[in-house]
N, C-alpha and C. Protein backbone atom coordinates (compact mmCIF):
# COMPACT_ATOMS: atom_id res chain seq x y z
N MET A 1 102.59 130.55 111.90
CA MET A 1 102.39 130.89 110.52
C MET A 1 103.70 130.68 109.76
N ARG A 2 103.62 130.04 108.62
CA ARG A 2 104.80 129.78 107.82
C ARG A 2 105.05 130.92 106.85
N ASP A 3 106.31 131.17 106.60
CA ASP A 3 106.73 132.17 105.63
C ASP A 3 107.17 131.41 104.38
N ARG A 4 106.38 131.46 103.32
CA ARG A 4 106.67 130.69 102.12
C ARG A 4 108.04 131.04 101.53
N ALA A 5 108.41 132.32 101.53
CA ALA A 5 109.69 132.71 100.97
C ALA A 5 110.83 132.05 101.76
N HIS A 6 110.69 132.01 103.07
CA HIS A 6 111.71 131.37 103.91
C HIS A 6 111.76 129.87 103.64
N ASP A 7 110.60 129.23 103.54
CA ASP A 7 110.55 127.80 103.25
C ASP A 7 111.24 127.49 101.92
N GLU A 8 110.98 128.29 100.91
CA GLU A 8 111.59 128.10 99.59
C GLU A 8 113.10 128.29 99.67
N ALA A 9 113.55 129.30 100.40
CA ALA A 9 114.98 129.57 100.55
C ALA A 9 115.68 128.42 101.27
N MET A 10 115.05 127.92 102.32
CA MET A 10 115.64 126.81 103.07
C MET A 10 115.67 125.54 102.21
N ALA A 11 114.62 125.30 101.45
CA ALA A 11 114.59 124.13 100.56
C ALA A 11 115.74 124.22 99.56
N ALA A 12 115.97 125.40 99.01
CA ALA A 12 117.06 125.60 98.05
C ALA A 12 118.41 125.36 98.72
N GLU A 13 118.54 125.83 99.95
CA GLU A 13 119.79 125.64 100.70
C GLU A 13 120.04 124.16 100.99
N PHE A 14 119.00 123.43 101.39
CA PHE A 14 119.13 122.00 101.67
C PHE A 14 119.47 121.23 100.40
N GLN A 15 118.89 121.65 99.28
CA GLN A 15 119.16 120.99 98.01
C GLN A 15 120.61 121.22 97.60
N LYS A 16 121.09 122.43 97.82
CA LYS A 16 122.46 122.79 97.46
C LYS A 16 123.48 122.12 98.38
N ASP A 17 123.12 121.98 99.66
CA ASP A 17 124.06 121.46 100.66
C ASP A 17 123.37 120.46 101.58
N PRO A 18 123.24 119.20 101.13
CA PRO A 18 122.58 118.18 101.96
C PRO A 18 123.23 117.98 103.32
N ALA A 19 124.54 118.23 103.43
CA ALA A 19 125.21 118.10 104.73
C ALA A 19 124.65 119.11 105.72
N TYR A 20 124.28 120.28 105.23
CA TYR A 20 123.67 121.29 106.09
C TYR A 20 122.32 120.80 106.60
N ALA A 21 121.57 120.12 105.74
CA ALA A 21 120.28 119.56 106.14
C ALA A 21 120.47 118.53 107.25
N VAL A 22 121.48 117.70 107.11
CA VAL A 22 121.77 116.68 108.14
C VAL A 22 122.14 117.36 109.45
N ALA A 23 123.01 118.36 109.38
CA ALA A 23 123.42 119.07 110.60
C ALA A 23 122.23 119.75 111.27
N MET A 24 121.35 120.33 110.48
CA MET A 24 120.16 121.00 111.01
C MET A 24 119.27 119.99 111.73
N LEU A 25 119.01 118.85 111.09
CA LEU A 25 118.17 117.82 111.72
C LEU A 25 118.80 117.32 113.02
N ASN A 26 120.09 117.06 113.00
CA ASN A 26 120.75 116.58 114.22
C ASN A 26 120.68 117.61 115.34
N SER A 27 120.81 118.86 115.00
CA SER A 27 120.72 119.92 116.00
C SER A 27 119.31 119.96 116.62
N ILE A 28 118.31 119.85 115.77
CA ILE A 28 116.92 119.88 116.25
C ILE A 28 116.63 118.64 117.10
N LEU A 29 117.09 117.48 116.65
CA LEU A 29 116.87 116.25 117.42
C LEU A 29 117.55 116.32 118.77
N GLU A 30 118.69 116.97 118.84
CA GLU A 30 119.40 117.13 120.11
C GLU A 30 118.58 117.96 121.09
N ASP A 31 117.91 119.00 120.58
CA ASP A 31 117.10 119.87 121.43
C ASP A 31 115.72 119.28 121.71
N GLY A 32 115.25 118.39 120.83
CA GLY A 32 113.98 117.72 121.05
C GLY A 32 112.74 118.54 120.75
N ASP A 33 112.82 119.54 119.88
CA ASP A 33 111.69 120.39 119.55
C ASP A 33 110.96 119.83 118.32
N GLN A 34 109.84 119.13 118.55
CA GLN A 34 109.13 118.46 117.46
C GLN A 34 108.58 119.45 116.43
N SER A 35 108.09 120.60 116.86
CA SER A 35 107.53 121.55 115.90
C SER A 35 108.60 122.04 114.93
N GLU A 36 109.80 122.28 115.45
CA GLU A 36 110.92 122.68 114.58
C GLU A 36 111.28 121.56 113.63
N LEU A 37 111.27 120.33 114.13
CA LEU A 37 111.60 119.18 113.30
C LEU A 37 110.63 119.08 112.12
N LEU A 38 109.35 119.26 112.37
CA LEU A 38 108.36 119.16 111.30
C LEU A 38 108.54 120.26 110.26
N ILE A 39 108.87 121.46 110.71
CA ILE A 39 109.12 122.57 109.77
C ILE A 39 110.27 122.22 108.84
N VAL A 40 111.38 121.76 109.43
CA VAL A 40 112.56 121.44 108.63
C VAL A 40 112.27 120.25 107.71
N LEU A 41 111.53 119.26 108.18
CA LEU A 41 111.19 118.13 107.32
C LEU A 41 110.33 118.57 106.13
N ARG A 42 109.42 119.51 106.34
CA ARG A 42 108.62 120.05 105.23
C ARG A 42 109.53 120.75 104.23
N GLN A 43 110.45 121.56 104.73
CA GLN A 43 111.38 122.27 103.85
C GLN A 43 112.27 121.27 103.10
N MET A 44 112.71 120.25 103.80
CA MET A 44 113.56 119.23 103.16
C MET A 44 112.77 118.45 102.11
N ALA A 45 111.51 118.18 102.38
CA ALA A 45 110.69 117.48 101.39
C ALA A 45 110.65 118.26 100.09
N LYS A 46 110.55 119.59 100.18
CA LYS A 46 110.59 120.42 98.97
C LYS A 46 111.91 120.24 98.24
N ALA A 47 112.99 120.17 99.00
CA ALA A 47 114.32 120.05 98.40
C ALA A 47 114.56 118.68 97.78
N PHE A 48 113.92 117.66 98.31
CA PHE A 48 114.16 116.29 97.86
C PHE A 48 113.01 115.74 97.03
N GLY A 49 112.43 116.56 96.18
CA GLY A 49 111.42 116.08 95.23
C GLY A 49 110.00 116.47 95.55
N GLY A 50 109.78 117.29 96.56
CA GLY A 50 108.43 117.71 96.93
C GLY A 50 107.75 116.64 97.77
N VAL A 51 106.71 117.03 98.47
CA VAL A 51 106.00 116.08 99.34
C VAL A 51 105.47 114.91 98.53
N GLN A 52 104.94 115.19 97.35
CA GLN A 52 104.41 114.11 96.50
C GLN A 52 105.52 113.12 96.14
N GLY A 53 106.65 113.63 95.73
CA GLY A 53 107.77 112.77 95.35
C GLY A 53 108.32 111.98 96.52
N VAL A 54 108.46 112.63 97.66
CA VAL A 54 108.95 111.95 98.86
C VAL A 54 107.96 110.88 99.29
N ALA A 55 106.67 111.20 99.23
CA ALA A 55 105.64 110.22 99.61
C ALA A 55 105.71 108.99 98.71
N GLU A 56 105.89 109.20 97.42
CA GLU A 56 105.99 108.06 96.50
C GLU A 56 107.21 107.20 96.82
N LYS A 57 108.37 107.84 97.05
CA LYS A 57 109.59 107.09 97.37
C LYS A 57 109.45 106.35 98.70
N ALA A 58 108.69 106.94 99.64
CA ALA A 58 108.53 106.34 100.96
C ALA A 58 107.35 105.37 101.03
N ASN A 59 106.65 105.20 99.91
CA ASN A 59 105.45 104.34 99.86
C ASN A 59 104.41 104.80 100.87
N LEU A 60 104.21 106.12 100.93
CA LEU A 60 103.21 106.72 101.81
C LEU A 60 102.20 107.48 100.98
N ASN A 61 101.02 107.69 101.53
CA ASN A 61 99.99 108.49 100.90
C ASN A 61 100.39 109.96 101.02
N ALA A 62 100.41 110.70 99.91
CA ALA A 62 100.85 112.09 99.92
C ALA A 62 99.98 112.97 100.82
N THR A 63 98.68 112.76 100.79
CA THR A 63 97.79 113.55 101.64
C THR A 63 98.11 113.33 103.10
N GLN A 64 98.33 112.07 103.46
CA GLN A 64 98.67 111.76 104.84
C GLN A 64 100.02 112.35 105.22
N LEU A 65 100.96 112.35 104.27
CA LEU A 65 102.27 112.93 104.56
C LEU A 65 102.17 114.43 104.78
N TYR A 66 101.34 115.11 103.99
CA TYR A 66 101.10 116.54 104.22
C TYR A 66 100.61 116.76 105.65
N ARG A 67 99.65 115.94 106.08
CA ARG A 67 99.12 116.06 107.44
C ARG A 67 100.18 115.75 108.49
N THR A 68 100.94 114.71 108.24
CA THR A 68 101.98 114.29 109.18
C THR A 68 103.02 115.39 109.39
N LEU A 69 103.37 116.10 108.32
CA LEU A 69 104.38 117.14 108.41
C LEU A 69 103.80 118.52 108.72
N SER A 70 102.48 118.57 108.96
CA SER A 70 101.85 119.86 109.30
C SER A 70 102.22 120.27 110.72
N GLU A 71 101.85 121.48 111.09
CA GLU A 71 102.15 121.99 112.43
C GLU A 71 101.54 121.12 113.52
N GLU A 72 100.41 120.48 113.22
CA GLU A 72 99.74 119.63 114.20
C GLU A 72 100.16 118.17 114.05
N GLY A 73 101.07 117.89 113.12
CA GLY A 73 101.47 116.52 112.83
C GLY A 73 102.20 115.85 113.98
N ASN A 74 102.11 114.54 113.99
CA ASN A 74 102.80 113.74 115.00
C ASN A 74 103.23 112.44 114.31
N PRO A 75 104.34 112.49 113.57
CA PRO A 75 104.71 111.32 112.77
C PRO A 75 105.06 110.11 113.61
N GLU A 76 104.61 108.96 113.14
CA GLU A 76 105.01 107.70 113.76
C GLU A 76 106.45 107.43 113.36
N LEU A 77 107.14 106.66 114.14
CA LEU A 77 108.53 106.33 113.85
C LEU A 77 108.65 105.68 112.47
N LYS A 78 107.70 104.81 112.15
CA LYS A 78 107.70 104.12 110.86
C LYS A 78 107.64 105.13 109.70
N SER A 79 106.76 106.11 109.81
CA SER A 79 106.64 107.13 108.77
C SER A 79 107.88 108.01 108.71
N LEU A 80 108.38 108.40 109.87
CA LEU A 80 109.56 109.26 109.92
C LEU A 80 110.75 108.56 109.28
N THR A 81 110.97 107.30 109.60
CA THR A 81 112.10 106.59 109.01
C THR A 81 111.92 106.41 107.50
N ALA A 82 110.69 106.19 107.05
CA ALA A 82 110.43 106.05 105.62
C ALA A 82 110.69 107.36 104.89
N VAL A 83 110.27 108.47 105.47
CA VAL A 83 110.49 109.79 104.86
C VAL A 83 111.98 110.08 104.80
N LEU A 84 112.68 109.86 105.89
CA LEU A 84 114.12 110.11 105.90
C LEU A 84 114.84 109.22 104.88
N LYS A 85 114.45 107.96 104.80
CA LYS A 85 115.07 107.05 103.83
C LYS A 85 114.83 107.54 102.41
N ALA A 86 113.63 108.05 102.13
CA ALA A 86 113.32 108.58 100.80
C ALA A 86 114.20 109.78 100.46
N MET A 87 114.71 110.46 101.49
CA MET A 87 115.60 111.60 101.29
C MET A 87 117.07 111.20 101.36
N GLY A 88 117.32 109.89 101.49
CA GLY A 88 118.69 109.40 101.58
C GLY A 88 119.30 109.57 102.96
N LEU A 89 118.46 109.61 103.98
CA LEU A 89 118.91 109.81 105.35
C LEU A 89 118.37 108.70 106.24
N ARG A 90 118.87 108.63 107.49
CA ARG A 90 118.35 107.67 108.45
C ARG A 90 118.53 108.22 109.85
N LEU A 91 117.75 107.70 110.77
CA LEU A 91 117.91 108.04 112.18
C LEU A 91 119.04 107.20 112.76
N ALA A 92 119.72 107.75 113.73
CA ALA A 92 120.78 107.01 114.42
C ALA A 92 120.73 107.38 115.90
N VAL A 93 121.25 106.49 116.70
CA VAL A 93 121.29 106.71 118.15
C VAL A 93 122.74 106.81 118.55
N GLU A 94 123.02 107.75 119.45
CA GLU A 94 124.37 107.86 119.98
C GLU A 94 124.33 108.08 121.46
N ARG A 95 125.34 107.68 122.13
CA ARG A 95 125.44 107.83 123.57
C ARG A 95 125.70 109.30 123.93
N VAL A 96 125.03 109.77 124.97
CA VAL A 96 125.27 111.12 125.46
C VAL A 96 126.01 111.05 126.78
N LYS A 97 126.76 112.08 127.08
CA LYS A 97 127.49 112.13 128.34
C LYS A 97 126.51 112.25 129.49
N ALA A 98 126.80 111.57 130.58
CA ALA A 98 125.97 111.66 131.78
C ALA A 98 126.13 113.05 132.37
N ALA A 99 125.05 113.57 132.93
CA ALA A 99 125.07 114.93 133.49
C ALA A 99 125.83 115.00 134.80
């Protein structure tokens, strides 16, 4: 269950400090928790023009983007990269230390 007040607060924080949004995404990607990633992407979408605005910038259907970013969502790489690009971000790969 989502807490709307928390989502709004996080969106405001991401809007105020985009570097924090980047750090949060990188931390989540490092841990590999997709459900957390989708929550943060929804919050970031609010900060970067709302889902409708992000969908328009990403050339995606807004209804489909709502579904993609839902708790049951499973974004394709193409959609994820388009959404991130619409927010002024991109995915990157880096080498990790061998265990």
